[in-house]
Amino acid sequence: MSAAQSASSASPARFNGTDSYVATDDLKLAVNAALTLQRPLLIKGEPGTGKTMLAEEVARALGRPLLQWHIKSTTKAHQGLYEYDAVSRLRDSQLGDEKVRDIRNYIVQGTLWQAFQADEPIVLLIDEIDKADIEFPNDLLRELDRMEFHVYETRETISARHRPLVIITSNNEKDLPDAFLRRCFFHYIRFPDRETMRDIVAVHYPHLKQDVLRAALDTFFALRDAPGLKKKPSTSELLDWLRLLLAEDATAAEIDAHTATAVPLMAGALLKNEQDVHLLERLAAMTRGGQRR
């Protein structure tokens, strides 16, 4: 029995949230289900809803190291396993370097290799998997299923010493293959409602005045409800905006006044394109015109 298999017989650790991350009961349940089933946890949700931070907080809560693999449009699955640096080996052979005799000197370990060879259970984050090519998830099926892979250059098999908790995030930019989805436990992070958002803000800004918080949340949720908005502001953008409001010592009256007459105070933290700014300006003008009649 391998170390990864023997670890499965032990009682799984449990995630109960942290003091710096507001996790709903459904989200805690999803993390613990992935731990129990020993399956990757696939997290979807709007950008800025805390998907990447979840992996960081789960690792902290469980007392496990965190390895992160941030996916780009050019990322290939084999890069997570290893890469063979043939160019360096050729250069060293031309220079007469003795280390060319051992091909292992030119095998660069990927994030999955590091996760499999860790001396203790870890949390492995595969971040924004939907950025990669559509075949990327399928190319990892065998490795994530069996927790092992073969290194052809050295003719050795790398097996996981301890099964990592794999957390995979997606912004839902493209559909993932069914074969991949079958192997994951899935959870969609719904956008926080007003009360949950209050709890999130309290974690980051516990001394924020309640009237300022009320005005800020009124503005924030009004923006999200504005018809035709190209990009709705996210939780992370709200937190950035609140930081600016605190730095400028903005009052609730100032926040309300800007929201009622035009775009919000320091709107650049919330609105990220000129179309949305112009849309809000037009809506504000229409509102003022209607009030004068």
Protein backbone atom coordinates (compact mmCIF):
# COMPACT_ATOMS: atom_id res chain seq x y z
CA MET A 1 0.00 0.00 0.00
CA SER A 2 1.39 3.40 -1.00
CA ALA A 3 1.69 6.30 1.40
CA ALA A 4 -1.04 8.13 -0.48
CA GLN A 5 -3.35 5.11 -0.13
CA SER A 6 -2.56 4.54 3.54
CA ALA A 7 -3.31 8.19 4.26
CA SER A 8 -6.84 7.64 2.94
CA SER A 9 -7.59 5.24 5.78
CA ALA A 10 -6.95 7.92 8.39
CA SER A 11 -9.67 10.28 9.53
CA PRO A 12 -9.66 13.24 7.13
CA ALA A 13 -8.93 16.74 8.36
CA ARG A 14 -11.80 19.19 8.39
CA PHE A 15 -12.09 22.82 7.30
CA ASN A 16 -14.16 25.03 9.60
CA GLY A 17 -13.24 28.41 8.14
CA THR A 18 -10.76 30.98 9.46
CA ASP A 19 -10.89 34.30 11.21
CA SER A 20 -9.80 36.09 8.02
CA TYR A 21 -12.03 34.37 5.45
CA VAL A 22 -15.83 34.29 5.59
CA ALA A 23 -16.81 30.85 4.31
CA THR A 24 -20.48 29.91 4.01
CA ASP A 25 -21.69 26.59 5.37
CA ASP A 26 -22.06 25.29 1.81
CA LEU A 27 -18.45 26.17 1.01
CA LYS A 28 -17.15 24.49 4.16
CA LEU A 29 -19.19 21.42 3.26
CA ALA A 30 -17.66 21.37 -0.23
CA VAL A 31 -14.09 21.54 1.08
CA ASN A 32 -14.73 18.77 3.59
CA ALA A 33 -16.45 16.62 0.96
CA ALA A 34 -13.37 16.92 -1.26
CA LEU A 35 -11.18 15.94 1.69
CA THR A 36 -13.36 12.91 2.46
CA LEU A 37 -13.73 11.76 -1.15
CA GLN A 38 -10.09 12.59 -1.93
CA ARG A 39 -11.19 14.25 -5.13
CA PRO A 40 -10.16 17.60 -6.61
CA LEU A 41 -12.40 20.47 -5.53
CA LEU A 42 -13.51 22.51 -8.54
CA ILE A 43 -14.47 26.04 -7.51
CA LYS A 44 -16.30 28.35 -9.90
CA GLY A 45 -17.60 31.86 -9.39
CA GLU A 46 -17.28 35.44 -10.55
CA PRO A 47 -13.79 36.94 -10.58
CA GLY A 48 -13.05 38.55 -7.23
CA THR A 49 -15.20 36.21 -5.10
CA GLY A 50 -12.26 34.74 -3.20
CA LYS A 51 -11.60 31.50 -5.08
CA THR A 52 -7.82 31.77 -4.97
CA MET A 53 -7.88 33.03 -1.39
CA LEU A 54 -9.91 29.97 -0.42
CA ALA A 55 -6.96 27.69 -1.17
CA GLU A 56 -4.67 29.92 0.91
CA GLU A 57 -7.06 29.89 3.85
CA VAL A 58 -7.74 26.13 3.64
CA ALA A 59 -3.99 25.48 3.73
CA ARG A 60 -3.63 27.77 6.74
CA ALA A 61 -6.58 26.23 8.57
CA LEU A 62 -5.36 22.66 7.99
CA GLY A 63 -1.76 23.54 8.77
CA ARG A 64 -0.59 22.37 5.36
CA PRO A 65 1.92 23.90 2.93
CA LEU A 66 0.41 25.49 -0.19
CA LEU A 67 1.71 24.99 -3.72
CA GLN A 68 0.23 27.20 -6.45
CA TRP A 69 0.11 26.59 -10.19
CA HIS A 70 -1.26 29.66 -11.95
CA ILE A 71 -2.50 28.74 -15.41
CA LYS A 72 -1.99 30.94 -18.48
CA SER A 73 -3.31 30.62 -22.02
CA THR A 74 0.02 29.09 -23.08
CA THR A 75 0.33 26.62 -20.18
CA LYS A 76 0.57 22.94 -21.10
CA ALA A 77 -0.28 20.06 -18.78
CA HIS A 78 3.17 18.49 -18.98
CA GLN A 79 4.67 21.65 -17.46
CA GLY A 80 2.96 20.75 -14.21
CA LEU A 81 4.74 17.39 -14.25
CA TYR A 82 8.23 18.23 -15.46
CA GLU A 83 10.18 19.73 -18.34
CA TYR A 84 13.32 18.39 -19.97
CA ASP A 85 15.85 21.18 -20.63
CA ALA A 86 17.48 19.80 -23.78
CA VAL A 87 18.96 23.18 -24.74
CA SER A 88 20.98 23.43 -21.51
CA ARG A 89 22.19 19.88 -21.91
CA LEU A 90 23.36 20.55 -25.47
CA ARG A 91 25.18 23.71 -24.36
CA ASP A 92 26.87 21.90 -21.47
CA SER A 93 27.94 19.06 -23.74
CA GLN A 94 29.61 21.55 -26.07
CA LEU A 95 31.45 23.01 -23.07
CA GLY A 96 32.53 19.56 -21.89
CA ASP A 97 30.61 19.76 -18.61
CA GLU A 98 30.59 16.42 -16.77
CA LYS A 99 27.04 16.80 -15.53
CA VAL A 100 25.68 16.01 -19.01
CA ARG A 101 26.25 12.33 -18.18
CA ASP A 102 23.27 12.37 -15.83
CA ILE A 103 20.06 13.40 -17.58
CA ARG A 104 18.44 14.06 -14.20
CA ASN A 105 20.41 17.30 -14.06
CA TYR A 106 18.19 18.61 -16.86
CA ILE A 107 14.80 17.52 -15.55
CA VAL A 108 12.93 20.51 -14.09
CA GLN A 109 10.27 19.46 -11.61
CA GLY A 110 6.81 20.90 -12.12
CA THR A 111 4.28 21.83 -9.46
CA LEU A 112 2.57 18.43 -9.50
CA TRP A 113 5.89 16.64 -9.07
CA GLN A 114 6.67 18.86 -6.07
CA ALA A 115 3.21 18.15 -4.64
CA PHE A 116 3.58 14.38 -5.08
CA GLN A 117 7.03 14.30 -3.51
CA ALA A 118 6.22 16.51 -0.52
CA ASP A 119 7.05 14.98 2.86
CA GLU A 120 3.62 15.90 4.24
CA PRO A 121 0.09 16.39 2.87
CA ILE A 122 -0.23 19.72 1.09
CA VAL A 123 -2.86 21.88 -0.59
CA LEU A 124 -2.31 22.22 -4.34
CA LEU A 125 -3.98 25.14 -6.11
CA ILE A 126 -4.49 24.91 -9.88
CA ASP A 127 -5.66 28.45 -10.50
CA GLU A 128 -7.89 29.56 -13.42
CA ILE A 129 -7.82 26.27 -15.30
CA ASP A 130 -10.23 27.65 -17.91
CA LYS A 131 -7.51 29.96 -19.26
CA ALA A 132 -5.68 27.02 -20.84
CA ASP A 133 -6.47 25.06 -23.97
CA ILE A 134 -9.61 22.89 -23.84
CA GLU A 135 -7.46 19.72 -23.78
CA PHE A 136 -5.52 20.85 -20.72
CA PRO A 137 -7.92 19.34 -18.11
CA ASN A 138 -8.13 16.01 -19.97
CA ASP A 139 -4.34 15.82 -20.12
CA LEU A 140 -4.26 15.75 -16.32
CA LEU A 141 -6.96 13.11 -15.78
CA ARG A 142 -4.65 10.13 -15.31
CA GLU A 143 -2.21 11.97 -13.05
CA LEU A 144 -4.93 13.36 -10.77
CA ASP A 145 -6.74 10.00 -10.69
CA ARG A 146 -3.78 7.75 -9.98
CA MET A 147 -1.60 10.30 -8.22
CA GLU A 148 1.39 9.25 -10.27
CA PHE A 149 3.08 9.85 -13.62
CA HIS A 150 5.96 8.44 -15.64
CA VAL A 151 9.18 10.30 -16.47
CA TYR A 152 10.20 8.90 -19.85
CA GLU A 153 13.70 10.39 -19.89
CA THR A 154 14.70 8.68 -16.63
CA ARG A 155 12.30 5.72 -16.89
CA GLU A 156 10.94 6.24 -13.40
CA THR A 157 7.44 6.61 -11.99
CA ILE A 158 6.73 9.45 -9.58
CA SER A 159 3.99 8.52 -7.10
CA ALA A 160 2.43 10.72 -4.47
CA ARG A 161 3.78 10.13 -0.97
CA HIS A 162 0.67 11.81 0.42
CA ARG A 163 -2.48 12.62 -1.53
CA PRO A 164 -2.71 16.43 -1.76
CA LEU A 165 -5.95 18.34 -1.49
CA VAL A 166 -6.28 19.72 -5.02
CA ILE A 167 -8.31 22.93 -5.37
CA ILE A 168 -9.02 23.99 -8.95
CA THR A 169 -10.51 27.38 -9.75
CA SER A 170 -12.37 28.50 -12.86
CA ASN A 171 -13.91 31.83 -13.88
CA ASN A 172 -16.34 29.94 -16.11
CA GLU A 173 -14.84 31.44 -19.26
CA LYS A 174 -15.16 28.12 -21.07
CA ASP A 175 -16.80 24.75 -20.48
CA LEU A 176 -14.63 22.01 -19.00
CA PRO A 177 -14.71 18.44 -20.37
CA ASP A 178 -17.27 16.04 -18.87
CA ALA A 179 -14.60 13.43 -18.13
CA PHE A 180 -12.75 15.98 -16.03
CA LEU A 181 -15.89 17.20 -14.26
CA ARG A 182 -16.82 13.63 -13.25
CA ARG A 183 -13.62 13.40 -11.23
CA CYS A 184 -14.16 16.60 -9.25
CA PHE A 185 -16.37 17.73 -6.41
CA PHE A 186 -17.96 20.93 -7.66
CA HIS A 187 -18.96 24.09 -5.84
CA TYR A 188 -20.12 27.43 -7.22
CA ILE A 189 -19.42 30.43 -4.98
CA ARG A 190 -22.53 32.55 -5.20
CA PHE A 191 -22.04 36.28 -5.00
CA PRO A 192 -22.41 37.36 -1.35
CA ASP A 193 -25.71 38.88 -0.28
CA ARG A 194 -25.72 42.10 1.72
CA GLU A 195 -25.43 40.46 5.14
CA THR A 196 -22.60 38.17 4.05
CA MET A 197 -20.87 41.17 2.52
CA ARG A 198 -21.14 42.97 5.84
CA ASP A 199 -19.38 40.03 7.48
CA ILE A 200 -16.64 40.08 4.84
CA VAL A 201 -16.08 43.82 5.26
CA ALA A 202 -15.98 43.43 9.06
CA VAL A 203 -13.06 41.00 8.72
CA HIS A 204 -11.02 43.53 6.74
CA TYR A 205 -12.25 46.83 8.24
CA PRO A 206 -13.61 46.08 11.72
CA HIS A 207 -13.65 49.76 12.76
CA LEU A 208 -15.49 51.11 9.71
CA LYS A 209 -18.30 53.47 10.70
CA GLN A 210 -21.70 51.89 10.23
CA ASP A 211 -23.16 54.85 8.32
CA VAL A 212 -20.22 54.77 5.89
CA LEU A 213 -20.63 51.02 5.47
CA ARG A 214 -24.36 51.48 4.80
CA ALA A 215 -23.71 54.16 2.17
CA ALA A 216 -20.92 52.13 0.55
CA LEU A 217 -23.02 48.98 0.34
CA ASP A 218 -25.98 50.95 -1.04
CA THR A 219 -23.74 52.29 -3.80
CA PHE A 220 -22.04 48.96 -4.44
CA PHE A 221 -25.21 46.89 -4.79
CA ALA A 222 -26.90 49.63 -6.83
CA LEU A 223 -23.98 49.42 -9.26
CA ARG A 224 -24.30 45.66 -9.50
CA ASP A 225 -28.03 46.04 -10.22
CA ALA A 226 -27.55 48.77 -12.84
CA PRO A 227 -28.96 47.54 -16.17
CA GLY A 228 -26.46 47.19 -19.00
CA LEU A 229 -23.31 47.34 -16.89
CA LYS A 230 -20.51 45.62 -18.80
CA LYS A 231 -18.49 44.59 -15.74
CA LYS A 232 -20.10 44.38 -12.34
CA PRO A 233 -17.83 45.32 -9.42
CA SER A 234 -16.57 42.36 -7.39
CA THR A 235 -15.95 41.77 -3.70
CA SER A 236 -12.24 42.49 -4.03
CA GLU A 237 -13.02 45.79 -5.78
CA LEU A 238 -15.41 46.76 -2.99
CA LEU A 239 -12.64 46.16 -0.45
CA ASP A 240 -10.23 48.30 -2.48
CA TRP A 241 -12.83 51.05 -2.70
CA LEU A 242 -13.45 50.98 1.05
CA ARG A 243 -9.73 51.31 1.63
CA LEU A 244 -9.73 54.48 -0.49
CA LEU A 245 -12.79 55.85 1.30
CA LEU A 246 -11.06 55.33 4.64
CA ALA A 247 -7.86 56.94 3.40
CA GLU A 248 -9.82 60.01 2.26
CA ASP A 249 -11.96 60.01 5.42
CA ALA A 250 -15.08 60.08 3.23
CA THR A 251 -18.43 60.52 4.98
CA ALA A 252 -21.66 58.71 4.31
CA ALA A 253 -23.17 61.99 3.06
CA GLU A 254 -20.39 62.40 0.49
CA ILE A 255 -20.81 58.84 -0.74
CA ASP A 256 -24.59 59.24 -1.04
CA ALA A 257 -24.27 62.61 -2.81
CA HIS A 258 -21.91 61.31 -5.50
CA THR A 259 -24.01 58.21 -6.06
CA ALA A 260 -27.20 60.24 -6.49
CA THR A 261 -25.81 62.81 -8.90
CA ALA A 262 -23.27 60.97 -11.07
CA VAL A 263 -20.73 58.18 -10.78
CA PRO A 264 -19.61 57.09 -7.30
CA LEU A 265 -16.86 58.78 -5.36
CA MET A 266 -13.45 57.44 -6.57
CA ALA A 267 -15.29 55.26 -9.04
CA GLY A 268 -12.07 53.97 -10.61
CA ALA A 269 -11.89 51.32 -7.91
CA LEU A 270 -15.31 49.96 -8.91
CA LEU A 271 -15.73 50.73 -12.63
CA LYS A 272 -13.10 49.42 -15.02
CA ASN A 273 -14.14 50.69 -18.44
CA GLU A 274 -15.38 53.91 -19.97
CA GLN A 275 -18.62 52.38 -21.27
CA ASP A 276 -19.83 51.72 -17.73
CA VAL A 277 -18.85 55.23 -16.61
CA HIS A 278 -20.79 56.76 -19.51
CA LEU A 279 -23.74 54.46 -18.81
CA LEU A 280 -23.98 55.63 -15.21
CA GLU A 281 -23.65 59.27 -16.27
CA ARG A 282 -26.55 58.83 -18.69
CA LEU A 283 -28.68 57.07 -16.06
CA ALA A 284 -27.95 59.85 -13.56
CA ALA A 285 -28.88 62.51 -16.15
CA MET A 286 -32.13 60.70 -16.91
CA THR A 287 -32.94 60.51 -13.21
CA ARG A 288 -32.28 64.24 -12.72
CA GLY A 289 -34.37 65.04 -15.78
CA GLY A 290 -37.26 63.00 -14.46
CA GLN A 291 -37.08 64.72 -11.07
CA ARG A 292 -37.35 68.22 -12.68
CA ARG A 293 -40.59 67.39 -14.46
